[in-house]
Each structure stands twice: as structure tokens, then as C-alpha cells.
């Protein structure tokens, strides 16, 4: 366990340096790998000290630490298994709306690589499904030149997606808000269209009964590592008929995103969002 802790510490530190070089310190929460390196290094020294000074408290420390690390490893494996299963599901065609979750917009106004992968999926889906509307969800971060929704809209229009197929949600600051605010925007769009239809009936038609409209089929498009949490949040938000669409992320960054997402899933579960 001592050697294992030091190995994990070394790997975490090397990966932290790699992230800083590869992304230019541009990946959210990359400092977690530095903290992990320090934590596992100290854990290794603590376990080594406990082995060299075998007291009752030292034994308790070894057992407790070992149990915590094993349980944490199991939690990570289980969550990542669920993430992979969700991301591997087949893309559902012919959806009424697809919610596209936002990502970082660079200082020059272009989408980050992870966000660009999502948007390229939108371009492909829009070409094959001409009646689908796309809800672009994302507010403006502190270091972003515009809202994520506006940045996504500009990219998609340049790629040939018609402007009248895009709805922008400009207020959300996290995935939880993405899901709820997008749902509200879709419901408003449906009601506006229904109002237009009823208005076209004319005054001479008389009273009419409108049957309950069948549930709209909604897709949620985000990166593969992120889809499981987004679907859980949508389920909690009482989406009626919804499907996931996953976009691939940079293979070199997947480990970082997977670990970060594990923490986010646990947090949202604890907060009751999932």
C-alpha cells in the first residue's frame, strides 16, 4: 500500500504537469491532480511511518486508510462503468429538440476542443434530421468574451445550420441550470407555437377542445464523460421522453474529465439534484 500510494502520487504529479503543458493551464480544476499528488505522497509517508512504529493507533491508521482507498477505488470504477454504458447508447433519430450543453469559449471567441466536438455532432444531426430544433444552453463565464450559447450559435450558423432552428438559453452557469432552464425554454417555445396555431383558427370557429399534445422527444447532447450526470439531472427535472447523445472528448484529457465528473456526480447526488 505504501509503494502504491507513492506510485499514484507520482502519476498524479506527472499528469498535472502534462495538463499544464498540453492545455496551457486551460482545463478547469486541473489543480486537483496536484492536490492528489500531495495527498497520496503524504498518505504513503504516513503508512510507512505506521509500519515502522507498530502501535495500536498505527494499526488503526493503516486499516482505516486502506479501507478508504479501496472503497474510493470501487466507487470510481462503478461510476465510470455507468458513464461508459450511458455514453455508448445508440443515437436516437428524429428528435423534436436537442439540448446542447455549453462549454468553454476561448478569449478569441472560438469554442474549446471539447465544445467543438459537441457542435460538430450537432451539425451532423441537423443535416440528417431536418425538423429538429436545437437548444444551445450556456451563460457567460468570467473569462469568456460572450455567452456560451451565443458562441455556439455563431459556430453552428457558420457551419450551415439554419438560424431558425436554434434556440439560445443565456443564463445557466452549471449543468443543473442547463437542464432546468432549457426545459423551461422548450416549454415556452411549445406554448408560443400552440398559441400561434390557435390564433390562426379565426374567431368564427367557435370553442374547440385541444387534446393533450404528445410528449416532445428531447435529446441531451454533451461529451461522453458528462452524459451520465446530465441524464440523471434530466430525470430529476421530470423530462418525460429524453435521450442522450454523446460526443467524444480528447483522449488525453479523458482521465481528467472522468475524475472531475466522478466528484461532480457524487456532489449532485448528495445535493439531491440527481
Foldseek 3Di string as FASTA:
>chain_A
DLVVLQVLLVVLVVLLVVCCVVVVPPDPPSCVSVVSSVVSNVLSVLLVVLVVVVDPVSVVSVVVVVVVVVVVVVLLVVVVVLLQVQQPDDDDAQFAEEEEEFDDQAQVLAHDQQSVLLLVVVLVRCVVHVNHAYEYEFADDPRHPGTRQVSSLVVNVVVPRDNVRYHYHHDDHDLLCSLQSSVVVVVVVVVVVVVVVVVVVDDPPPDDDDPDDDAGEYEYEGASLQFSQSVLLNVLVPRPHYGYHHGYDDPSCVVVSSVVVSVVSVVCVVVVSD
